[in-house]
Amino acid sequence: MLHIDDIKNYLLENNYDFKYYGDKEIKIAGFCSLSKPKRKSITWIKNYSFDKIKELKELKVIIVTDHKGLELSHKEGYNVIICDSPKEVFFKILSHFFVEDVKASISPNSIIETDKIGKNVSIGNNCYISKDVTIGDNVIIKHNVVIECKCIIGRNSIIHSGVVIGTDGFGYYKAGDGANIKVPHFGGVIIGEDVEIGANTCIDRGTLDDTVIGDNVKIDNLSMIAHNVEIGSRTMILPQVVLAGSCFIGKNAYLAPGAIVKNQVRVGNNSMVGMNVVVTNDLEDDTVLAGNPAKKFRVNYLDILDL
């Protein structure tokens, strides 16, 4: 059982600004969602317009919320942590107290030709990693991953199962007789620190220069990153996004499921591309492009989107 003092001490040690109201001796056994509350657990709330708030009180649930939850803190029986970033605080608590540490290991079933492997690296079953790959500290590579070109993977990155990195891009030219002739690819892939690449995503190597994924980029499952693409730091790429060759995605951008960016098109910093939108022209910084047909809104998505 986890005592409330353990949670409070953890938050204090990590410099979180918070206040706790409620039972000073409460203990919890785990965590829960709002839809399936459990006795003596912890959860977080963003929207108060639901009918289970009293049930949380009866089940002795600790509620992590923002300052809108102050009214709960003044009612008897509720146990409330008030903070500025409840989602962050909640999942930090879960990561610290409930996620089991997994020892780093490298599967003997994988073919690993490189010797440039950092500390505390995990590599799953049936992977192939070529001799020109450099892997930073604390990287996790899950099962059936193929990395077949010159590639640098920054520390603390996660590559999920089925990812393929470093295949040639779709590059051809027409010969005089009309035949399609393949363009040779000499570039590699550079992956920054704290990057996460979702299952069955494909990232092509560059043609002459490298394909580049910036620090803290998060790419969801089944996405396609073509040759020579550059993605700026802290950008989020959701499932089934297609980034065509040589396009540029700025920092802190957000591409919703199914978005497509045309080759050589630039998406600006802090911009959002909506679900299934096809971007055919450059998108300025701080712009939202959404709808079908797509319409442009000059507004910073961070003001309207809660991640």
Protein backbone atom coordinates (compact mmCIF):
# COMPACT_ATOMS: atom_id res chain seq x y z
CA MET A 1 0.00 0.00 0.00
CA LEU A 2 1.22 3.49 -0.86
CA HIS A 3 0.83 6.18 1.81
CA ILE A 4 -0.14 9.72 0.82
CA ASP A 5 3.09 10.94 2.45
CA ASP A 6 5.09 8.89 -0.07
CA ILE A 7 3.31 10.66 -2.92
CA LYS A 8 3.73 14.10 -1.32
CA ASN A 9 7.43 13.53 -0.67
CA TYR A 10 7.97 12.43 -4.27
CA LEU A 11 6.26 15.55 -5.61
CA LEU A 12 8.26 17.80 -3.26
CA GLU A 13 11.54 16.16 -4.27
CA ASN A 14 10.70 16.85 -7.91
CA ASN A 15 9.75 20.49 -7.27
CA TYR A 16 6.07 20.21 -8.13
CA ASP A 17 3.88 23.02 -6.80
CA PHE A 18 0.85 21.33 -5.26
CA LYS A 19 -1.47 21.22 -2.27
CA TYR A 20 -3.12 18.16 -0.75
CA TYR A 21 -6.53 18.22 0.96
CA GLY A 22 -8.06 15.20 2.64
CA ASP A 23 -7.27 12.21 4.81
CA LYS A 24 -3.66 12.55 6.02
CA GLU A 25 -3.35 8.81 6.63
CA ILE A 26 -4.92 7.50 3.41
CA LYS A 27 -3.21 4.64 1.60
CA ILE A 28 -3.81 3.45 -1.95
CA ALA A 29 -3.27 0.10 -3.65
CA GLY A 30 -3.19 1.26 -7.26
CA PHE A 31 -4.70 3.56 -9.86
CA CYS A 32 -7.89 3.74 -11.87
CA SER A 33 -9.68 5.49 -14.71
CA LEU A 34 -12.76 7.65 -14.22
CA SER A 35 -14.94 5.19 -16.10
CA LYS A 36 -13.95 2.28 -13.82
CA PRO A 37 -13.12 3.72 -10.39
CA LYS A 38 -11.54 1.37 -7.83
CA ARG A 39 -11.42 1.52 -4.05
CA LYS A 40 -8.32 3.14 -2.55
CA SER A 41 -6.72 4.16 -5.83
CA ILE A 42 -5.57 7.38 -7.54
CA THR A 43 -6.96 9.05 -10.66
CA TRP A 44 -6.99 12.45 -12.39
CA ILE A 45 -9.78 14.73 -13.58
CA LYS A 46 -9.93 17.31 -16.35
CA ASN A 47 -13.69 17.59 -16.87
CA TYR A 48 -16.09 17.64 -13.91
CA SER A 49 -19.25 17.05 -15.93
CA PHE A 50 -19.61 13.37 -15.11
CA ASP A 51 -21.79 11.46 -12.69
CA LYS A 52 -19.17 9.45 -10.76
CA ILE A 53 -17.63 12.21 -8.68
CA LYS A 54 -19.48 11.07 -5.55
CA GLU A 55 -18.41 7.49 -6.21
CA LEU A 56 -14.77 8.61 -6.04
CA LYS A 57 -15.47 9.98 -2.59
CA GLU A 58 -17.12 6.76 -1.43
CA LEU A 59 -14.28 4.62 -2.80
CA LYS A 60 -11.60 6.71 -1.05
CA VAL A 61 -9.95 7.68 -4.36
CA ILE A 62 -7.21 10.31 -4.43
CA ILE A 63 -8.08 12.83 -7.16
CA VAL A 64 -5.35 14.74 -8.99
CA THR A 65 -6.79 17.89 -10.52
CA ASP A 66 -6.16 21.56 -11.27
CA HIS A 67 -7.40 24.64 -9.41
CA LYS A 68 -10.95 24.08 -10.67
CA GLY A 69 -11.03 21.26 -8.15
CA LEU A 70 -10.68 23.54 -5.16
CA GLU A 71 -14.40 23.23 -4.48
CA LEU A 72 -13.90 19.49 -3.94
CA SER A 73 -11.10 20.17 -1.48
CA HIS A 74 -13.53 22.04 0.79
CA LYS A 75 -16.06 19.18 0.86
CA GLU A 76 -15.79 16.50 3.50
CA GLY A 77 -14.61 13.08 2.38
CA TYR A 78 -12.76 14.03 -0.80
CA ASN A 79 -8.99 13.51 -1.14
CA VAL A 80 -7.58 15.97 -3.64
CA ILE A 81 -4.16 16.94 -4.99
CA ILE A 82 -4.38 20.42 -6.55
CA CYS A 83 -1.64 21.27 -9.06
CA ASP A 84 -1.05 23.17 -12.30
CA SER A 85 -0.50 20.10 -14.51
CA PRO A 86 -2.69 17.26 -13.21
CA LYS A 87 -2.15 14.94 -16.17
CA GLU A 88 1.62 15.26 -15.89
CA VAL A 89 1.60 14.84 -12.10
CA PHE A 90 -0.72 11.81 -12.26
CA PHE A 91 1.37 9.93 -14.80
CA LYS A 92 4.61 10.89 -13.07
CA ILE A 93 3.23 9.29 -9.91
CA LEU A 94 2.26 6.16 -11.84
CA SER A 95 5.63 5.94 -13.59
CA HIS A 96 7.53 6.29 -10.33
CA PHE A 97 5.52 3.99 -8.07
CA PHE A 98 3.80 1.48 -10.36
CA VAL A 99 6.05 0.88 -13.41
CA GLU A 100 8.43 -2.01 -12.82
CA ASP A 101 12.06 -1.52 -13.77
CA VAL A 102 13.04 -3.86 -16.60
CA LYS A 103 16.64 -5.00 -16.76
CA ALA A 104 18.39 -4.19 -20.01
CA SER A 105 19.04 -7.23 -22.17
CA ILE A 106 20.03 -8.03 -25.74
CA SER A 107 18.33 -11.04 -27.29
CA PRO A 108 20.61 -13.77 -28.68
CA ASN A 109 18.01 -14.27 -31.43
CA SER A 110 18.89 -10.93 -33.04
CA ILE A 111 21.61 -10.22 -35.59
CA ILE A 112 23.62 -7.26 -34.35
CA GLU A 113 26.61 -6.25 -36.46
CA THR A 114 27.45 -2.99 -34.71
CA ASP A 115 29.66 -2.70 -31.64
CA LYS A 116 28.72 0.94 -31.05
CA ILE A 117 26.16 0.28 -28.32
CA GLY A 118 25.76 2.47 -25.23
CA LYS A 119 24.99 1.52 -21.65
CA ASN A 120 21.74 -0.07 -20.49
CA VAL A 121 20.48 -0.85 -24.01
CA SER A 122 17.71 -3.41 -24.64
CA ILE A 123 17.22 -5.16 -27.97
CA GLY A 124 14.35 -7.61 -28.50
CA ASN A 125 13.98 -10.80 -30.53
CA ASN A 126 14.54 -11.19 -34.28
CA CYS A 127 16.06 -7.76 -34.90
CA TYR A 128 18.66 -6.91 -37.53
CA ILE A 129 21.00 -3.99 -36.82
CA SER A 130 23.72 -3.18 -39.33
CA LYS A 131 27.37 -2.39 -38.60
CA ASP A 132 26.95 1.35 -39.20
CA VAL A 133 24.42 1.91 -36.40
CA THR A 134 25.31 3.87 -33.25
CA ILE A 135 22.99 3.31 -30.29
CA GLY A 136 22.98 5.72 -27.32
CA ASP A 137 22.52 4.93 -23.64
CA ASN A 138 19.19 3.62 -22.32
CA VAL A 139 17.74 2.93 -25.77
CA ILE A 140 15.00 0.31 -26.02
CA ILE A 141 14.60 -1.53 -29.34
CA LYS A 142 11.70 -3.97 -29.27
CA HIS A 143 11.06 -7.06 -31.40
CA ASN A 144 11.43 -7.52 -35.18
CA VAL A 145 13.09 -4.14 -35.76
CA VAL A 146 15.30 -3.71 -38.85
CA ILE A 147 17.93 -0.96 -39.10
CA GLU A 148 19.84 -1.40 -42.32
CA CYS A 149 21.75 1.82 -42.94
CA LYS A 150 24.07 4.28 -41.24
CA CYS A 151 21.99 5.43 -38.28
CA ILE A 152 22.48 7.28 -35.01
CA ILE A 153 19.94 6.69 -32.25
CA GLY A 154 20.03 9.21 -29.38
CA ARG A 155 19.86 8.16 -25.75
CA ASN A 156 16.58 7.34 -23.99
CA SER A 157 14.78 6.61 -27.27
CA ILE A 158 12.27 3.79 -27.79
CA ILE A 159 11.72 1.93 -31.08
CA HIS A 160 8.67 -0.31 -31.03
CA SER A 161 8.18 -3.66 -32.71
CA GLY A 162 8.17 -3.98 -36.47
CA VAL A 163 9.86 -0.65 -37.21
CA VAL A 164 12.02 -0.52 -40.34
CA ILE A 165 14.70 2.16 -40.51
CA GLY A 166 17.01 2.83 -43.42
CA THR A 167 15.41 1.32 -46.50
CA ASP A 168 15.91 3.24 -49.72
CA GLY A 169 13.36 5.90 -50.48
CA PHE A 170 11.13 5.82 -53.54
CA GLY A 171 13.53 7.63 -55.87
CA TYR A 172 13.59 7.05 -59.64
CA TYR A 173 14.22 8.92 -62.85
CA LYS A 174 13.14 8.26 -66.43
CA ALA A 175 15.83 7.02 -68.79
CA GLY A 176 15.87 8.02 -72.44
CA ASP A 177 13.96 4.88 -73.37
CA GLY A 178 11.32 5.58 -70.72
CA ALA A 179 12.53 2.99 -68.21
CA ASN A 180 12.35 3.79 -64.50
CA ILE A 181 15.90 3.94 -63.10
CA LYS A 182 16.49 3.78 -59.35
CA VAL A 183 18.33 6.63 -57.64
CA PRO A 184 21.06 5.31 -55.30
CA HIS A 185 20.76 6.34 -51.66
CA PHE A 186 23.89 7.34 -49.74
CA GLY A 187 22.41 9.10 -46.70
CA GLY A 188 21.46 7.70 -43.31
CA VAL A 189 19.00 8.38 -40.51
CA ILE A 190 19.66 10.51 -37.44
CA ILE A 191 17.31 9.99 -34.51
CA GLY A 192 17.56 12.42 -31.59
CA GLU A 193 17.28 11.85 -27.86
CA ASP A 194 14.07 10.83 -26.11
CA VAL A 195 12.38 9.88 -29.40
CA GLU A 196 9.63 7.26 -29.57
CA ILE A 197 8.81 5.49 -32.83
CA GLY A 198 5.57 3.50 -32.99
CA ALA A 199 5.08 -0.06 -34.20
CA ASN A 200 5.39 -0.83 -37.93
CA THR A 201 6.55 2.65 -38.83
CA CYS A 202 8.97 3.00 -41.75
CA ILE A 203 11.72 5.64 -41.92
CA ASP A 204 13.68 5.88 -45.20
CA ARG A 205 17.37 6.77 -45.38
CA GLY A 206 18.35 10.03 -47.06
CA THR A 207 19.36 10.21 -50.70
CA LEU A 208 22.50 12.35 -50.28
CA ASP A 209 22.00 13.88 -46.83
CA ASP A 210 20.37 12.22 -43.82
CA THR A 211 16.75 11.87 -42.79
CA VAL A 212 16.56 13.64 -39.41
CA ILE A 213 14.23 13.10 -36.45
CA GLY A 214 14.71 15.76 -33.74
CA ASP A 215 14.84 15.38 -29.96
CA ASN A 216 11.67 14.42 -28.10
CA VAL A 217 9.74 13.65 -31.31
CA LYS A 218 6.92 11.14 -30.84
CA ILE A 219 5.79 9.09 -33.86
CA ASP A 220 2.74 6.83 -33.56
CA ASN A 221 2.17 3.45 -35.22
CA LEU A 222 2.03 2.78 -38.95
CA SER A 223 3.50 6.08 -40.09
CA MET A 224 5.68 6.62 -43.16
CA ILE A 225 8.68 8.98 -43.08
CA ALA A 226 10.20 9.25 -46.56
CA HIS A 227 13.78 10.04 -47.58
CA ASN A 228 15.33 13.41 -46.65
CA VAL A 229 12.50 14.38 -44.29
CA GLU A 230 13.44 16.58 -41.32
CA ILE A 231 11.26 16.70 -38.20
CA GLY A 232 11.90 19.38 -35.58
CA SER A 233 12.12 18.71 -31.85
CA ARG A 234 9.04 18.04 -29.69
CA THR A 235 6.81 17.36 -32.69
CA MET A 236 4.06 14.74 -32.47
CA ILE A 237 3.24 12.50 -35.44
CA LEU A 238 0.03 10.46 -34.98
CA PRO A 239 -0.84 7.13 -36.65
CA GLN A 240 -0.81 6.61 -40.40
CA VAL A 241 0.76 9.97 -41.16
CA VAL A 242 2.67 10.11 -44.46
CA LEU A 243 5.56 12.55 -44.82
CA ALA A 244 6.67 12.56 -48.45
CA GLY A 245 10.25 13.05 -49.53
CA SER A 246 12.23 16.13 -48.51
CA CYS A 247 9.40 17.75 -46.58
CA PHE A 248 10.25 19.72 -43.43
CA ILE A 249 8.23 19.65 -40.23
CA GLY A 250 9.06 22.39 -37.72
CA LYS A 251 9.45 22.24 -33.96
CA ASN A 252 6.55 21.51 -31.65
CA ALA A 253 4.17 20.71 -34.51
CA TYR A 254 1.24 18.28 -34.31
CA LEU A 255 0.08 16.07 -37.20
CA ALA A 256 -3.23 14.32 -36.56
CA PRO A 257 -4.08 10.77 -37.75
CA GLY A 258 -3.96 10.23 -41.49
CA ALA A 259 -2.37 13.59 -42.37
CA ILE A 260 -0.26 13.69 -45.54
CA VAL A 261 2.45 16.25 -46.30
CA LYS A 262 3.48 16.62 -49.95
CA ASN A 263 7.13 16.28 -50.94
CA GLN A 264 9.29 19.40 -50.39
CA VAL A 265 6.53 21.17 -48.43
CA ARG A 266 7.33 22.95 -45.17
CA VAL A 267 5.11 22.81 -42.07
CA GLY A 268 6.01 25.63 -39.64
CA ASN A 269 6.83 25.59 -35.95
CA ASN A 270 3.94 25.20 -33.49
CA SER A 271 1.54 24.28 -36.28
CA MET A 272 -1.23 21.71 -36.32
CA VAL A 273 -2.39 19.62 -39.28
CA GLY A 274 -5.82 18.10 -38.76
CA MET A 275 -7.07 14.57 -39.32
CA ASN A 276 -6.75 13.30 -42.93
CA VAL A 277 -5.65 16.72 -44.18
CA VAL A 278 -3.41 16.78 -47.27
CA VAL A 279 -0.82 19.58 -47.07
CA THR A 280 0.18 20.68 -50.57
CA ASN A 281 1.64 24.13 -49.82
CA ASP A 282 3.92 25.52 -47.14
CA LEU A 283 2.27 26.12 -43.78
CA GLU A 284 3.38 29.13 -41.74
CA ASP A 285 4.37 29.01 -38.08
CA ASP A 286 1.55 28.93 -35.47
CA THR A 287 -1.06 27.81 -38.00
CA VAL A 288 -3.87 25.27 -37.84
CA LEU A 289 -4.91 23.53 -41.07
CA ALA A 290 -8.06 21.46 -40.59
CA GLY A 291 -11.30 20.34 -42.22
CA ASN A 292 -12.28 18.85 -45.58
CA PRO A 293 -11.60 20.75 -47.71
CA ALA A 294 -8.87 22.07 -45.44
CA LYS A 295 -9.04 25.62 -44.11
CA LYS A 296 -6.25 27.62 -42.53
CA PHE A 297 -6.55 29.21 -39.11
CA ARG A 298 -3.77 31.48 -37.81
CA VAL A 299 -3.88 30.33 -34.21
CA ASN A 300 -1.34 28.54 -32.06
CA TYR A 301 -2.75 25.03 -31.52
CA LEU A 302 -1.27 24.86 -28.01
CA ASP A 303 -3.96 27.32 -26.93
CA ILE A 304 -6.77 24.99 -27.99
CA LEU A 305 -5.34 21.48 -27.74
CA ASP A 306 -4.93 19.61 -24.47
CA LEU A 307 -2.31 16.90 -24.89
